């Protein structure tokens, strides 16, 4: 599955636009992670636990995005974007969205 943030794929022709697709997850942070993040905020620096969680979440939503595109008959997604938002005090929504397309290599 080709996934690109661009509106086209160099070397490929878009044969058919299949519509918007997305992959979504909602994650909660555990109490220990929250406490560690609060302490780290005082002294500064990277929140490694949070970074790993976000990396895992993005990989998960990309897999779900690819599954959604394949479910529509696509073999690529163009104009992919990530969106992240807070839901309440401890929930985070991570979404990847784009346009499912069917492409073929240029000859």
C-alpha atoms as a PDB file:
ATOM      1  CA  UNK A   1       0.000   0.000   0.000  1.00  0.00           C
ATOM      2  CA  UNK A   2       1.478   3.326  -1.056  1.00  0.00           C
ATOM      3  CA  UNK A   3       0.684   6.170   1.333  1.00  0.00           C
ATOM      4  CA  UNK A   4       1.752   9.708   0.496  1.00  0.00           C
ATOM      5  CA  UNK A   5       1.127  13.167   1.877  1.00  0.00           C
ATOM      6  CA  UNK A   6       1.249  14.524  -1.676  1.00  0.00           C
ATOM      7  CA  UNK A   7      -1.727  14.750  -4.035  1.00  0.00           C
ATOM      8  CA  UNK A   8      -0.075  12.522  -6.618  1.00  0.00           C
ATOM      9  CA  UNK A   9       2.485   9.737  -6.794  1.00  0.00           C
ATOM     10  CA  UNK A  10       5.417  10.334  -9.157  1.00  0.00           C
ATOM     11  CA  UNK A  11       5.781   7.356 -11.475  1.00  0.00           C
ATOM     12  CA  UNK A  12       2.126   6.342 -11.066  1.00  0.00           C
ATOM     13  CA  UNK A  13      -1.119   7.310 -12.715  1.00  0.00           C
ATOM     14  CA  UNK A  14      -4.269   7.623 -10.627  1.00  0.00           C
ATOM     15  CA  UNK A  15      -6.849   5.468 -12.415  1.00  0.00           C
ATOM     16  CA  UNK A  16      -9.699   5.942  -9.977  1.00  0.00           C
ATOM     17  CA  UNK A  17     -10.472   8.036  -6.906  1.00  0.00           C
ATOM     18  CA  UNK A  18     -12.317   5.892  -4.367  1.00  0.00           C
ATOM     19  CA  UNK A  19     -13.051   8.427  -1.648  1.00  0.00           C
ATOM     20  CA  UNK A  20     -11.981   9.500   1.814  1.00  0.00           C
ATOM     21  CA  UNK A  21     -10.663   6.888   4.213  1.00  0.00           C
ATOM     22  CA  UNK A  22      -9.383   7.086   7.753  1.00  0.00           C
ATOM     23  CA  UNK A  23      -7.811   5.104  10.544  1.00  0.00           C
ATOM     24  CA  UNK A  24      -8.617   6.052  14.115  1.00  0.00           C
ATOM     25  CA  UNK A  25      -7.647   5.159  17.657  1.00  0.00           C
ATOM     26  CA  UNK A  26      -8.411   6.653  21.047  1.00  0.00           C
ATOM     27  CA  UNK A  27      -5.806   6.093  23.731  1.00  0.00           C
ATOM     28  CA  UNK A  28      -5.822   6.756  27.435  1.00  0.00           C
ATOM     29  CA  UNK A  29      -2.698   7.559  29.380  1.00  0.00           C
ATOM     30  CA  UNK A  30      -2.024   5.548  32.499  1.00  0.00           C
ATOM     31  CA  UNK A  31      -1.613   7.192  35.897  1.00  0.00           C
ATOM     32  CA  UNK A  32       2.124   6.420  36.124  1.00  0.00           C
ATOM     33  CA  UNK A  33       2.708   7.960  32.712  1.00  0.00           C
ATOM     34  CA  UNK A  34       0.745  11.055  33.734  1.00  0.00           C
ATOM     35  CA  UNK A  35       2.754  11.401  36.938  1.00  0.00           C
ATOM     36  CA  UNK A  36       6.049  10.952  35.097  1.00  0.00           C
ATOM     37  CA  UNK A  37       5.009  13.493  32.472  1.00  0.00           C
ATOM     38  CA  UNK A  38       4.068  15.986  35.178  1.00  0.00           C
ATOM     39  CA  UNK A  39       7.439  15.629  36.893  1.00  0.00           C
ATOM     40  CA  UNK A  40       9.306  15.809  33.575  1.00  0.00           C
ATOM     41  CA  UNK A  41       7.438  19.001  32.702  1.00  0.00           C
ATOM     42  CA  UNK A  42       8.995  20.657  35.742  1.00  0.00           C
ATOM     43  CA  UNK A  43      12.586  19.835  34.774  1.00  0.00           C
ATOM     44  CA  UNK A  44      12.151  19.703  30.987  1.00  0.00           C
ATOM     45  CA  UNK A  45      13.129  17.099  28.424  1.00  0.00           C
ATOM     46  CA  UNK A  46      11.548  14.467  26.243  1.00  0.00           C
ATOM     47  CA  UNK A  47       8.647  12.418  27.560  1.00  0.00           C
ATOM     48  CA  UNK A  48       9.934   9.095  26.213  1.00  0.00           C
ATOM     49  CA  UNK A  49       6.925   7.042  27.318  1.00  0.00           C
ATOM     50  CA  UNK A  50       4.571   9.478  25.620  1.00  0.00           C
ATOM     51  CA  UNK A  51       6.743   9.502  22.487  1.00  0.00           C
ATOM     52  CA  UNK A  52       6.667   5.688  22.258  1.00  0.00           C
ATOM     53  CA  UNK A  53       2.892   5.702  22.769  1.00  0.00           C
ATOM     54  CA  UNK A  54       2.409   8.270  20.000  1.00  0.00           C
ATOM     55  CA  UNK A  55       4.690   6.325  17.621  1.00  0.00           C
ATOM     56  CA  UNK A  56       2.720   3.126  18.290  1.00  0.00           C
ATOM     57  CA  UNK A  57      -0.580   4.966  17.855  1.00  0.00           C
ATOM     58  CA  UNK A  58       0.482   6.469  14.521  1.00  0.00           C
ATOM     59  CA  UNK A  59       1.592   3.051  13.240  1.00  0.00           C
ATOM     60  CA  UNK A  60      -1.766   1.618  14.310  1.00  0.00           C
ATOM     61  CA  UNK A  61      -3.825   4.284  12.544  1.00  0.00           C
ATOM     62  CA  UNK A  62      -1.716   3.949   9.386  1.00  0.00           C
ATOM     63  CA  UNK A  63      -2.450   0.210   9.352  1.00  0.00           C
ATOM     64  CA  UNK A  64      -6.150   0.948   9.775  1.00  0.00           C
ATOM     65  CA  UNK A  65      -5.992   3.587   7.025  1.00  0.00           C
ATOM     66  CA  UNK A  66      -4.380   1.078   4.648  1.00  0.00           C
ATOM     67  CA  UNK A  67      -7.018  -1.540   5.532  1.00  0.00           C
ATOM     68  CA  UNK A  68      -9.806   0.973   4.838  1.00  0.00           C
ATOM     69  CA  UNK A  69      -8.298   1.916   1.464  1.00  0.00           C
ATOM     70  CA  UNK A  70      -7.867  -1.735   0.518  1.00  0.00           C
ATOM     71  CA  UNK A  71     -11.462  -2.373   1.573  1.00  0.00           C
ATOM     72  CA  UNK A  72     -12.566   0.151  -1.033  1.00  0.00           C
ATOM     73  CA  UNK A  73     -10.436  -1.497  -3.698  1.00  0.00           C
ATOM     74  CA  UNK A  74      -7.531   0.941  -3.481  1.00  0.00           C
ATOM     75  CA  UNK A  75      -3.827   0.291  -3.627  1.00  0.00           C
ATOM     76  CA  UNK A  76      -2.721   3.750  -2.489  1.00  0.00           C
ATOM     77  CA  UNK A  77      -3.698   6.729  -0.335  1.00  0.00           C
ATOM     78  CA  UNK A  78      -2.886  10.293  -1.350  1.00  0.00           C
ATOM     79  CA  UNK A  79      -3.130  13.545   0.618  1.00  0.00           C
ATOM     80  CA  UNK A  80      -2.643  11.643   3.906  1.00  0.00           C
ATOM     81  CA  UNK A  81      -2.676  13.704   7.079  1.00  0.00           C
ATOM     82  CA  UNK A  82      -2.534  13.041  10.803  1.00  0.00           C
ATOM     83  CA  UNK A  83      -4.837  14.729  13.278  1.00  0.00           C
ATOM     84  CA  UNK A  84      -4.496  14.476  17.042  1.00  0.00           C
ATOM     85  CA  UNK A  85      -6.844  15.902  19.632  1.00  0.00           C
ATOM     86  CA  UNK A  86      -7.386  15.668  23.369  1.00  0.00           C
ATOM     87  CA  UNK A  87     -10.644  14.195  24.581  1.00  0.00           C
ATOM     88  CA  UNK A  88     -11.193  14.969  28.228  1.00  0.00           C
ATOM     89  CA  UNK A  89      -8.252  14.956  30.622  1.00  0.00           C
ATOM     90  CA  UNK A  90      -6.614  11.637  29.740  1.00  0.00           C
ATOM     91  CA  UNK A  91      -7.830  10.518  26.298  1.00  0.00           C
ATOM     92  CA  UNK A  92      -6.109  11.290  23.032  1.00  0.00           C
ATOM     93  CA  UNK A  93      -7.610  10.668  19.612  1.00  0.00           C
ATOM     94  CA  UNK A  94      -5.172   9.968  16.771  1.00  0.00           C
ATOM     95  CA  UNK A  95      -6.518   9.904  13.225  1.00  0.00           C
ATOM     96  CA  UNK A  96      -4.863   9.351   9.843  1.00  0.00           C
ATOM     97  CA  UNK A  97      -6.984  10.297   6.851  1.00  0.00           C
ATOM     98  CA  UNK A  98      -6.609  10.693   3.128  1.00  0.00           C
ATOM     99  CA  UNK A  99      -8.044   9.767  -0.249  1.00  0.00           C
ATOM    100  CA  UNK A 100      -8.082   6.140  -1.360  1.00  0.00           C
ATOM    101  CA  UNK A 101      -7.104   5.698  -4.988  1.00  0.00           C
ATOM    102  CA  UNK A 102      -6.269   2.949  -7.439  1.00  0.00           C
ATOM    103  CA  UNK A 103      -2.984   3.630  -9.217  1.00  0.00           C
ATOM    104  CA  UNK A 104      -0.884   1.937 -11.861  1.00  0.00           C
ATOM    105  CA  UNK A 105       2.790   2.426 -12.677  1.00  0.00           C
ATOM    106  CA  UNK A 106       3.546   4.648 -15.673  1.00  0.00           C
ATOM    107  CA  UNK A 107       5.174   2.823 -18.533  1.00  0.00           C
END
